[in-house]
Amino acid sequence: MISCPLHRFKIAASLDSGRDPDPALRRHLRECARCRRFYNEQLSVARGLAGAADRERATPSPFLQGRIMAAVDRSARPAPARFGLRRLVWLAGMAAALALVFRFAHGPLQPRPTLAPADPSTVAREFAALEQRLPDERKLGQWSGSLDQPLDDEMRSLLHDAQNAAQTLAFGFLPDSMAERLSRGQTRD
């Protein structure tokens, strides 16, 4: 059936959560032999894993609470301020914006054959006209903020995913000694 992948997802979710299948899913299981076979296979795997977990269950280390609290303490510390990629991108964007503003304010660049001494009143008028055509600081801040937001969101998401992956590896799969070294940031002996 076309809806079988959706039903298999629901089967896996119900088995993972330990709940019985909802009535619509039970009705589908009565009608679809493939999904019923999938359900029975997954149920036997889940029961086998639960039984193995019960047999392997051990008393936690007396240091487990201390390790957990240390990990929570480490994750609660604010990250040190640094001059990173985000700031460099922001500065490059500001330099490009200023270059564009200068370019549009002065029009196409044409070489001037002779330079005559500038009249102070003419310079003052041109400077006043230029100031009126330039965007103010608030507008430049809005432009740069809207350019930085997607990069900031992606960077936060990437760092969060990396931290979760490292913690999962360190505390779920690696031996305690390796997990401790990884949590301290040491990679070599």
N, C-alpha and C. Protein backbone atom coordinates (compact mmCIF):
# COMPACT_ATOMS: atom_id res chain seq x y z
N MET A 1 0.84 -1.19 0.00
CA MET A 1 0.00 0.00 0.00
C MET A 1 0.88 1.24 0.00
N ILE A 2 0.29 2.33 -0.42
CA ILE A 2 1.02 3.58 -0.48
C ILE A 2 1.32 4.12 0.92
N SER A 3 0.42 3.88 1.87
CA SER A 3 0.60 4.43 3.21
C SER A 3 1.45 3.56 4.12
N CYS A 4 1.97 2.44 3.62
CA CYS A 4 2.76 1.54 4.47
C CYS A 4 3.99 2.20 5.09
N PRO A 5 4.77 3.01 4.37
CA PRO A 5 5.91 3.65 5.03
C PRO A 5 5.49 4.52 6.23
N LEU A 6 4.36 5.22 6.09
CA LEU A 6 3.87 6.02 7.21
C LEU A 6 3.47 5.13 8.38
N HIS A 7 2.80 4.01 8.08
CA HIS A 7 2.40 3.11 9.14
C HIS A 7 3.62 2.46 9.81
N ARG A 8 4.65 2.16 9.02
CA ARG A 8 5.86 1.58 9.62
C ARG A 8 6.54 2.59 10.54
N PHE A 9 6.49 3.85 10.15
CA PHE A 9 7.04 4.90 11.03
C PHE A 9 6.24 4.93 12.34
N LYS A 10 4.91 4.85 12.24
CA LYS A 10 4.07 4.86 13.45
C LYS A 10 4.33 3.61 14.30
N ILE A 11 4.55 2.47 13.64
CA ILE A 11 4.85 1.23 14.37
C ILE A 11 6.14 1.41 15.17
N ALA A 12 7.17 1.92 14.51
CA ALA A 12 8.46 2.11 15.20
C ALA A 12 8.31 3.10 16.35
N ALA A 13 7.55 4.17 16.14
CA ALA A 13 7.36 5.17 17.20
C ALA A 13 6.62 4.56 18.39
N SER A 14 5.59 3.77 18.12
CA SER A 14 4.85 3.19 19.24
C SER A 14 5.70 2.17 20.00
N LEU A 15 6.51 1.39 19.29
CA LEU A 15 7.38 0.43 19.98
C LEU A 15 8.48 1.14 20.76
N ASP A 16 9.03 2.21 20.20
CA ASP A 16 10.07 2.96 20.90
C ASP A 16 9.54 3.59 22.18
N SER A 17 8.29 4.05 22.14
CA SER A 17 7.74 4.72 23.32
C SER A 17 7.12 3.72 24.29
N GLY A 18 6.96 2.46 23.89
CA GLY A 18 6.39 1.46 24.79
C GLY A 18 4.88 1.50 24.83
N ARG A 19 4.26 2.22 23.90
CA ARG A 19 2.80 2.30 23.87
C ARG A 19 2.23 1.26 22.92
N ASP A 20 0.96 0.90 23.15
CA ASP A 20 0.26 0.03 22.22
C ASP A 20 -0.10 0.84 20.97
N PRO A 21 -0.19 0.18 19.81
CA PRO A 21 -0.57 0.91 18.60
C PRO A 21 -1.97 1.49 18.73
N ASP A 22 -2.19 2.65 18.11
CA ASP A 22 -3.51 3.27 18.17
C ASP A 22 -4.50 2.45 17.33
N PRO A 23 -5.81 2.69 17.47
CA PRO A 23 -6.82 1.86 16.78
C PRO A 23 -6.65 1.85 15.25
N ALA A 24 -6.33 2.99 14.65
CA ALA A 24 -6.17 3.02 13.20
C ALA A 24 -4.99 2.16 12.77
N LEU A 25 -3.91 2.19 13.54
CA LEU A 25 -2.74 1.38 13.21
C LEU A 25 -3.04 -0.11 13.41
N ARG A 26 -3.78 -0.46 14.47
CA ARG A 26 -4.18 -1.85 14.68
C ARG A 26 -5.04 -2.36 13.53
N ARG A 27 -5.94 -1.51 13.03
CA ARG A 27 -6.79 -1.88 11.91
C ARG A 27 -5.92 -2.14 10.66
N HIS A 28 -4.94 -1.28 10.45
CA HIS A 28 -4.05 -1.47 9.30
C HIS A 28 -3.23 -2.76 9.46
N LEU A 29 -2.80 -3.06 10.67
CA LEU A 29 -2.02 -4.29 10.90
C LEU A 29 -2.85 -5.54 10.61
N ARG A 30 -4.16 -5.48 10.89
CA ARG A 30 -5.03 -6.63 10.58
C ARG A 30 -5.17 -6.81 9.07
N GLU A 31 -5.12 -5.70 8.31
CA GLU A 31 -5.35 -5.75 6.87
C GLU A 31 -4.08 -5.98 6.05
N CYS A 32 -2.91 -5.56 6.54
CA CYS A 32 -1.68 -5.57 5.74
C CYS A 32 -0.69 -6.59 6.32
N ALA A 33 -0.43 -7.62 5.55
CA ALA A 33 0.46 -8.68 6.01
C ALA A 33 1.91 -8.19 6.13
N ARG A 34 2.34 -7.33 5.21
CA ARG A 34 3.72 -6.84 5.24
C ARG A 34 3.97 -5.99 6.51
N CYS A 35 3.03 -5.13 6.82
CA CYS A 35 3.20 -4.29 8.02
C CYS A 35 3.08 -5.14 9.29
N ARG A 36 2.21 -6.16 9.26
CA ARG A 36 2.08 -7.05 10.42
C ARG A 36 3.39 -7.80 10.64
N ARG A 37 4.02 -8.26 9.56
CA ARG A 37 5.31 -8.94 9.66
C ARG A 37 6.38 -7.97 10.20
N PHE A 38 6.36 -6.72 9.69
CA PHE A 38 7.30 -5.70 10.18
C PHE A 38 7.09 -5.46 11.68
N TYR A 39 5.82 -5.35 12.09
CA TYR A 39 5.50 -5.12 13.51
C TYR A 39 6.03 -6.26 14.37
N ASN A 40 5.79 -7.50 13.95
CA ASN A 40 6.23 -8.66 14.74
C ASN A 40 7.76 -8.72 14.82
N GLU A 41 8.43 -8.43 13.71
CA GLU A 41 9.89 -8.42 13.72
C GLU A 41 10.42 -7.35 14.67
N GLN A 42 9.87 -6.15 14.57
CA GLN A 42 10.32 -5.05 15.42
C GLN A 42 10.00 -5.30 16.89
N LEU A 43 8.84 -5.92 17.14
CA LEU A 43 8.45 -6.24 18.51
C LEU A 43 9.42 -7.26 19.11
N SER A 44 9.81 -8.26 18.32
CA SER A 44 10.75 -9.26 18.85
C SER A 44 12.12 -8.62 19.09
N VAL A 45 12.55 -7.70 18.22
CA VAL A 45 13.82 -7.01 18.44
C VAL A 45 13.76 -6.17 19.71
N ALA A 46 12.65 -5.43 19.89
CA ALA A 46 12.50 -4.58 21.08
C ALA A 46 12.50 -5.42 22.35
N ARG A 47 11.79 -6.54 22.32
CA ARG A 47 11.76 -7.41 23.51
C ARG A 47 13.14 -8.00 23.79
N GLY A 48 13.84 -8.39 22.72
CA GLY A 48 15.19 -8.92 22.89
C GLY A 48 16.13 -7.89 23.49
N LEU A 49 16.04 -6.66 23.00
CA LEU A 49 16.90 -5.60 23.53
C LEU A 49 16.55 -5.29 24.99
N ALA A 50 15.26 -5.28 25.30
CA ALA A 50 14.85 -5.00 26.69
C ALA A 50 15.35 -6.11 27.61
N GLY A 51 15.24 -7.36 27.15
CA GLY A 51 15.73 -8.47 27.97
C GLY A 51 17.23 -8.41 28.16
N ALA A 52 17.96 -8.08 27.08
CA ALA A 52 19.42 -7.96 27.18
C ALA A 52 19.81 -6.82 28.10
N ALA A 53 19.05 -5.74 28.04
CA ALA A 53 19.36 -4.60 28.90
C ALA A 53 19.15 -4.95 30.36
N ASP A 54 18.09 -5.71 30.65
CA ASP A 54 17.85 -6.12 32.03
C ASP A 54 18.97 -7.02 32.53
N ARG A 55 19.46 -7.92 31.66
CA ARG A 55 20.55 -8.82 32.08
C ARG A 55 21.86 -8.06 32.27
N GLU A 56 22.08 -7.06 31.47
CA GLU A 56 23.34 -6.31 31.51
C GLU A 56 23.31 -5.13 32.48
N ARG A 57 22.16 -4.87 33.05
CA ARG A 57 22.03 -3.72 33.94
C ARG A 57 22.97 -3.88 35.12
N ALA A 58 23.73 -2.85 35.39
CA ALA A 58 24.70 -2.90 36.48
C ALA A 58 24.49 -1.68 37.36
N THR A 59 25.01 -1.76 38.54
CA THR A 59 24.95 -0.63 39.45
C THR A 59 25.83 0.48 38.89
N PRO A 60 25.30 1.70 38.82
CA PRO A 60 26.11 2.77 38.26
C PRO A 60 27.32 3.07 39.15
N SER A 61 28.31 3.62 38.51
CA SER A 61 29.53 3.99 39.21
C SER A 61 29.20 5.04 40.28
N PRO A 62 29.88 4.99 41.42
CA PRO A 62 29.62 6.01 42.44
C PRO A 62 30.04 7.40 41.97
N PHE A 63 30.83 7.46 40.90
CA PHE A 63 31.29 8.74 40.38
C PHE A 63 30.38 9.29 39.29
N LEU A 64 29.31 8.55 38.95
CA LEU A 64 28.44 8.96 37.85
C LEU A 64 27.82 10.33 38.11
N GLN A 65 27.30 10.56 39.30
CA GLN A 65 26.66 11.84 39.59
C GLN A 65 27.67 12.98 39.46
N GLY A 66 28.88 12.76 39.93
CA GLY A 66 29.91 13.80 39.81
C GLY A 66 30.24 14.09 38.36
N ARG A 67 30.33 13.05 37.53
CA ARG A 67 30.61 13.24 36.09
C ARG A 67 29.48 14.02 35.42
N ILE A 68 28.24 13.67 35.78
CA ILE A 68 27.09 14.37 35.19
C ILE A 68 27.11 15.84 35.60
N MET A 69 27.32 16.09 36.87
CA MET A 69 27.33 17.47 37.35
C MET A 69 28.48 18.26 36.74
N ALA A 70 29.63 17.63 36.56
CA ALA A 70 30.77 18.31 35.92
C ALA A 70 30.44 18.64 34.47
N ALA A 71 29.77 17.72 33.78
CA ALA A 71 29.39 17.97 32.38
C ALA A 71 28.38 19.10 32.30
N VAL A 72 27.43 19.12 33.23
CA VAL A 72 26.44 20.21 33.25
C VAL A 72 27.14 21.53 33.53
N ASP A 73 28.08 21.52 34.46
CA ASP A 73 28.81 22.75 34.79
C ASP A 73 29.62 23.25 33.59
N ARG A 74 30.26 22.33 32.88
CA ARG A 74 31.04 22.72 31.70
C ARG A 74 30.14 23.31 30.62
N SER A 75 28.97 22.72 30.42
CA SER A 75 28.09 23.21 29.36
C SER A 75 27.42 24.52 29.74
N ALA A 76 27.38 24.86 31.04
CA ALA A 76 26.75 26.10 31.47
C ALA A 76 27.68 27.31 31.37
N ARG A 77 28.97 27.07 31.21
CA ARG A 77 29.92 28.18 31.12
C ARG A 77 29.74 28.90 29.79
N PRO A 78 29.82 30.24 29.82
CA PRO A 78 29.71 30.97 28.55
C PRO A 78 30.97 30.75 27.71
N ALA A 79 30.77 30.75 26.42
CA ALA A 79 31.91 30.57 25.51
C ALA A 79 32.79 31.81 25.55
N PRO A 80 34.10 31.63 25.48
CA PRO A 80 34.98 32.81 25.51
C PRO A 80 34.79 33.64 24.23
N ALA A 81 34.88 34.95 24.41
CA ALA A 81 34.75 35.84 23.25
C ALA A 81 35.99 35.69 22.38
N ARG A 82 35.76 35.66 21.10
CA ARG A 82 36.89 35.51 20.20
C ARG A 82 36.60 36.26 18.91
N PHE A 83 37.67 36.61 18.25
CA PHE A 83 37.58 37.30 16.98
C PHE A 83 37.52 36.23 15.91
N GLY A 84 36.31 35.85 15.52
CA GLY A 84 36.16 34.70 14.65
C GLY A 84 35.67 35.04 13.26
N LEU A 85 35.22 34.01 12.62
CA LEU A 85 34.78 34.09 11.23
C LEU A 85 33.58 35.02 11.09
N ARG A 86 32.69 34.99 12.05
CA ARG A 86 31.50 35.84 11.98
C ARG A 86 31.88 37.31 11.92
N ARG A 87 32.82 37.71 12.75
CA ARG A 87 33.22 39.10 12.77
C ARG A 87 33.94 39.47 11.47
N LEU A 88 34.76 38.57 10.95
CA LEU A 88 35.45 38.85 9.69
C LEU A 88 34.45 39.00 8.55
N VAL A 89 33.43 38.13 8.53
CA VAL A 89 32.41 38.24 7.49
C VAL A 89 31.66 39.56 7.63
N TRP A 90 31.35 39.93 8.86
CA TRP A 90 30.65 41.19 9.10
C TRP A 90 31.50 42.37 8.63
N LEU A 91 32.78 42.38 8.97
CA LEU A 91 33.66 43.47 8.55
C LEU A 91 33.80 43.53 7.03
N ALA A 92 33.91 42.37 6.39
CA ALA A 92 34.00 42.35 4.94
C ALA A 92 32.71 42.88 4.31
N GLY A 93 31.58 42.52 4.89
CA GLY A 93 30.30 43.03 4.40
C GLY A 93 30.19 44.54 4.56
N MET A 94 30.64 45.04 5.69
CA MET A 94 30.61 46.49 5.92
C MET A 94 31.53 47.21 4.94
N ALA A 95 32.72 46.65 4.69
CA ALA A 95 33.64 47.27 3.74
C ALA A 95 33.03 47.27 2.34
N ALA A 96 32.38 46.18 1.96
CA ALA A 96 31.74 46.12 0.65
C ALA A 96 30.59 47.12 0.57
N ALA A 97 29.81 47.24 1.65
CA ALA A 97 28.70 48.20 1.66
C ALA A 97 29.23 49.63 1.54
N LEU A 98 30.29 49.94 2.27
CA LEU A 98 30.87 51.28 2.18
C LEU A 98 31.43 51.55 0.78
N ALA A 99 32.03 50.53 0.18
CA ALA A 99 32.54 50.70 -1.18
C ALA A 99 31.40 50.96 -2.15
N LEU A 100 30.29 50.24 -1.99
CA LEU A 100 29.13 50.47 -2.85
C LEU A 100 28.54 51.85 -2.64
N VAL A 101 28.44 52.28 -1.37
CA VAL A 101 27.91 53.62 -1.09
C VAL A 101 28.81 54.67 -1.72
N PHE A 102 30.10 54.51 -1.60
CA PHE A 102 31.04 55.46 -2.19
C PHE A 102 30.89 55.46 -3.71
N ARG A 103 30.74 54.27 -4.28
CA ARG A 103 30.62 54.15 -5.73
C ARG A 103 29.36 54.84 -6.24
N PHE A 104 28.23 54.63 -5.57
CA PHE A 104 26.99 55.25 -6.01
C PHE A 104 26.95 56.74 -5.69
N ALA A 105 27.61 57.15 -4.65
CA ALA A 105 27.64 58.56 -4.29
C ALA A 105 28.45 59.37 -5.29
N HIS A 106 29.50 58.80 -5.82
CA HIS A 106 30.37 59.52 -6.74
C HIS A 106 30.12 59.22 -8.20
N GLY A 107 29.26 58.27 -8.49
CA GLY A 107 28.99 57.93 -9.88
C GLY A 107 30.16 57.20 -10.49
N PRO A 108 30.14 57.03 -11.82
CA PRO A 108 31.25 56.30 -12.46
C PRO A 108 32.56 57.06 -12.30
N LEU A 109 33.59 56.32 -12.07
CA LEU A 109 34.90 56.93 -11.88
C LEU A 109 35.50 57.29 -13.24
N GLN A 110 35.79 58.55 -13.40
CA GLN A 110 36.41 59.02 -14.63
C GLN A 110 37.67 59.79 -14.26
N PRO A 111 38.73 59.57 -14.99
CA PRO A 111 39.96 60.31 -14.65
C PRO A 111 39.78 61.79 -14.94
N ARG A 112 40.29 62.58 -14.05
CA ARG A 112 40.24 64.03 -14.26
C ARG A 112 41.59 64.46 -14.82
N PRO A 113 41.53 65.12 -15.95
CA PRO A 113 42.81 65.47 -16.59
C PRO A 113 43.63 66.46 -15.78
N THR A 114 43.00 67.44 -15.20
CA THR A 114 43.75 68.43 -14.42
C THR A 114 43.04 68.63 -13.11
N LEU A 115 43.82 68.82 -12.10
CA LEU A 115 43.26 69.09 -10.79
C LEU A 115 43.51 70.56 -10.44
N ALA A 116 42.41 71.24 -10.30
CA ALA A 116 42.49 72.64 -9.90
C ALA A 116 42.30 72.70 -8.40
N PRO A 117 42.82 73.70 -7.76
CA PRO A 117 42.60 73.83 -6.32
C PRO A 117 41.10 73.94 -6.04
N ALA A 118 40.66 73.21 -5.04
CA ALA A 118 39.23 73.17 -4.73
C ALA A 118 38.82 74.40 -3.96
N ASP A 119 37.64 74.90 -4.33
CA ASP A 119 37.05 76.03 -3.64
C ASP A 119 36.41 75.49 -2.36
N PRO A 120 36.70 76.04 -1.18
CA PRO A 120 36.15 75.51 0.07
C PRO A 120 34.63 75.50 0.09
N SER A 121 33.98 76.47 -0.49
CA SER A 121 32.51 76.48 -0.47
C SER A 121 31.95 75.35 -1.35
N THR A 122 32.62 75.05 -2.47
CA THR A 122 32.18 73.96 -3.34
C THR A 122 32.37 72.62 -2.63
N VAL A 123 33.50 72.48 -1.96
CA VAL A 123 33.75 71.24 -1.22
C VAL A 123 32.71 71.06 -0.13
N ALA A 124 32.36 72.10 0.57
CA ALA A 124 31.36 72.02 1.64
C ALA A 124 30.00 71.62 1.08
N ARG A 125 29.61 72.21 -0.08
CA ARG A 125 28.33 71.86 -0.70
C ARG A 125 28.31 70.40 -1.14
N GLU A 126 29.41 69.96 -1.77
CA GLU A 126 29.48 68.56 -2.21
C GLU A 126 29.46 67.59 -1.03
N PHE A 127 30.14 67.95 0.03
CA PHE A 127 30.15 67.10 1.22
C PHE A 127 28.75 67.02 1.84
N ALA A 128 28.03 68.14 1.91
CA ALA A 128 26.67 68.15 2.45
C ALA A 128 25.74 67.30 1.57
N ALA A 129 25.91 67.39 0.24
CA ALA A 129 25.08 66.59 -0.65
C ALA A 129 25.39 65.10 -0.47
N LEU A 130 26.65 64.77 -0.29
CA LEU A 130 27.05 63.38 -0.09
C LEU A 130 26.47 62.84 1.22
N GLU A 131 26.53 63.62 2.29
CA GLU A 131 26.00 63.18 3.57
C GLU A 131 24.51 62.89 3.50
N GLN A 132 23.78 63.65 2.71
CA GLN A 132 22.34 63.42 2.60
C GLN A 132 22.03 62.15 1.82
N ARG A 133 22.89 61.77 0.89
CA ARG A 133 22.65 60.57 0.08
C ARG A 133 23.09 59.29 0.79
N LEU A 134 23.94 59.38 1.80
CA LEU A 134 24.42 58.20 2.53
C LEU A 134 23.36 57.70 3.50
N PRO A 135 23.25 56.36 3.67
CA PRO A 135 22.33 55.85 4.70
C PRO A 135 22.89 56.12 6.09
N ASP A 136 21.98 56.27 7.05
CA ASP A 136 22.43 56.55 8.41
C ASP A 136 22.92 55.26 9.08
N GLU A 137 23.48 55.42 10.27
CA GLU A 137 24.08 54.30 11.00
C GLU A 137 23.04 53.24 11.34
N ARG A 138 21.83 53.65 11.67
CA ARG A 138 20.76 52.71 12.02
C ARG A 138 20.44 51.81 10.82
N LYS A 139 20.34 52.42 9.64
CA LYS A 139 20.02 51.66 8.43
C LYS A 139 21.14 50.66 8.11
N LEU A 140 22.40 51.09 8.23
CA LEU A 140 23.52 50.17 7.99
C LEU A 140 23.50 49.02 8.99
N GLY A 141 23.16 49.31 10.25
CA GLY A 141 23.07 48.27 11.27
C GLY A 141 21.98 47.27 10.94
N GLN A 142 20.83 47.74 10.45
CA GLN A 142 19.75 46.83 10.05
C GLN A 142 20.19 45.94 8.90
N TRP A 143 20.86 46.54 7.89
CA TRP A 143 21.31 45.76 6.75
C TRP A 143 22.29 44.67 7.19
N SER A 144 23.27 45.04 8.01
CA SER A 144 24.26 44.05 8.42
C SER A 144 23.63 42.99 9.32
N GLY A 145 22.67 43.38 10.17
CA GLY A 145 22.00 42.41 11.03
C GLY A 145 21.20 41.40 10.23
N SER A 146 20.52 41.86 9.19
CA SER A 146 19.74 40.93 8.38
C SER A 146 20.65 40.01 7.58
N LEU A 147 21.85 40.46 7.26
CA LEU A 147 22.80 39.59 6.55
C LEU A 147 23.41 38.57 7.49
N ASP A 148 23.63 38.93 8.76
CA ASP A 148 24.26 38.03 9.72
C ASP A 148 23.32 36.97 10.28
N GLN A 149 22.01 37.23 10.31
CA GLN A 149 21.08 36.34 11.00
C GLN A 149 21.10 34.90 10.48
N PRO A 150 21.01 34.64 9.17
CA PRO A 150 21.04 33.24 8.73
C PRO A 150 22.35 32.53 9.09
N LEU A 151 23.47 33.24 8.99
CA LEU A 151 24.75 32.65 9.34
C LEU A 151 24.82 32.33 10.84
N ASP A 152 24.32 33.25 11.67
CA ASP A 152 24.29 33.01 13.11
C ASP A 152 23.43 31.79 13.45
N ASP A 153 22.24 31.70 12.84
CA ASP A 153 21.35 30.57 13.12
C ASP A 153 21.99 29.25 12.70
N GLU A 154 22.59 29.23 11.54
CA GLU A 154 23.22 28.01 11.05
C GLU A 154 24.40 27.62 11.94
N MET A 155 25.20 28.61 12.38
CA MET A 155 26.35 28.33 13.23
C MET A 155 25.89 27.78 14.59
N ARG A 156 24.84 28.37 15.18
CA ARG A 156 24.32 27.86 16.45
C ARG A 156 23.82 26.42 16.30
N SER A 157 23.09 26.16 15.23
CA SER A 157 22.56 24.82 14.97
C SER A 157 23.69 23.82 14.79
N LEU A 158 24.70 24.19 14.04
CA LEU A 158 25.84 23.31 13.78
C LEU A 158 26.60 23.00 15.07
N LEU A 159 26.85 24.01 15.89
CA LEU A 159 27.56 23.80 17.16
C LEU A 159 26.74 22.93 18.11
N HIS A 160 25.43 23.15 18.16
CA HIS A 160 24.57 22.36 19.03
C HIS A 160 24.59 20.90 18.60
N ASP A 161 24.49 20.64 17.28
CA ASP A 161 24.52 19.27 16.78
C ASP A 161 25.87 18.61 17.08
N ALA A 162 26.95 19.35 16.90
CA ALA A 162 28.28 18.79 17.17
C ALA A 162 28.45 18.46 18.65
N GLN A 163 27.98 19.33 19.53
CA GLN A 163 28.08 19.06 20.97
C GLN A 163 27.27 17.82 21.34
N ASN A 164 26.07 17.71 20.79
CA ASN A 164 25.24 16.54 21.10
C ASN A 164 25.89 15.26 20.59
N ALA A 165 26.46 15.31 19.40
CA ALA A 165 27.11 14.11 18.85
C ALA A 165 28.31 13.72 19.70
N ALA A 166 29.11 14.69 20.09
CA ALA A 166 30.29 14.39 20.91
C ALA A 166 29.90 13.82 22.26
N GLN A 167 28.86 14.38 22.88
CA GLN A 167 28.42 13.87 24.17
C GLN A 167 27.85 12.46 24.03
N THR A 168 27.12 12.21 22.96
CA THR A 168 26.57 10.88 22.74
C THR A 168 27.69 9.87 22.59
N LEU A 169 28.70 10.23 21.80
CA LEU A 169 29.83 9.32 21.64
C LEU A 169 30.58 9.13 22.95
N ALA A 170 30.84 10.23 23.63
CA ALA A 170 31.66 10.17 24.83
C ALA A 170 30.99 9.38 25.95
N PHE A 171 29.73 9.61 26.17
CA PHE A 171 29.09 9.01 27.32
C PHE A 171 28.25 7.79 26.98
N GLY A 172 28.10 7.49 25.70
CA GLY A 172 27.29 6.34 25.34
C GLY A 172 28.08 5.17 24.79
N PHE A 173 29.19 5.45 24.12
CA PHE A 173 29.86 4.38 23.40
C PHE A 173 31.32 4.20 23.79
N LEU A 174 31.98 5.24 24.21
CA LEU A 174 33.41 5.13 24.50
C LEU A 174 33.64 4.66 25.93
N PRO A 175 34.78 4.03 26.18
CA PRO A 175 35.13 3.69 27.57
C PRO A 175 35.26 4.97 28.40
N ASP A 176 35.12 4.83 29.71
CA ASP A 176 35.13 6.00 30.58
C ASP A 176 36.39 6.84 30.44
N SER A 177 37.55 6.19 30.33
CA SER A 177 38.80 6.96 30.24
C SER A 177 38.83 7.81 28.98
N MET A 178 38.37 7.25 27.86
CA MET A 178 38.36 8.03 26.62
C MET A 178 37.30 9.13 26.68
N ALA A 179 36.17 8.86 27.30
CA ALA A 179 35.11 9.86 27.42
C ALA A 179 35.60 11.04 28.25
N GLU A 180 36.33 10.75 29.31
CA GLU A 180 36.86 11.84 30.15
C GLU A 180 37.85 12.69 29.37
N ARG A 181 38.75 12.05 28.60
CA ARG A 181 39.71 12.81 27.80
C ARG A 181 39.00 13.66 26.77
N LEU A 182 37.97 13.12 26.14
CA LEU A 182 37.23 13.86 25.13
C LEU A 182 36.50 15.04 25.75
N SER A 183 35.94 14.84 26.93
CA SER A 183 35.22 15.94 27.57
C SER A 183 36.16 17.04 28.02
N ARG A 184 37.46 16.70 28.27
CA ARG A 184 38.44 17.72 28.62
C ARG A 184 39.09 18.32 27.39
N GLY A 185 38.81 17.78 26.21
CA GLY A 185 39.36 18.33 24.98
C GLY A 185 40.68 17.72 24.59
N GLN A 186 41.12 16.64 25.25
CA GLN A 186 42.37 15.99 24.92
C GLN A 186 42.09 14.90 23.90
N THR A 187 42.88 14.85 22.83
CA THR A 187 42.67 13.83 21.81
C THR A 187 43.80 12.83 21.74
N ARG A 188 44.97 13.16 22.29
CA ARG A 188 46.12 12.24 22.26
C ARG A 188 46.55 11.93 23.68
N ASP A 189 47.26 10.82 23.83
CA ASP A 189 47.81 10.47 25.16
C ASP A 189 48.97 11.35 25.54
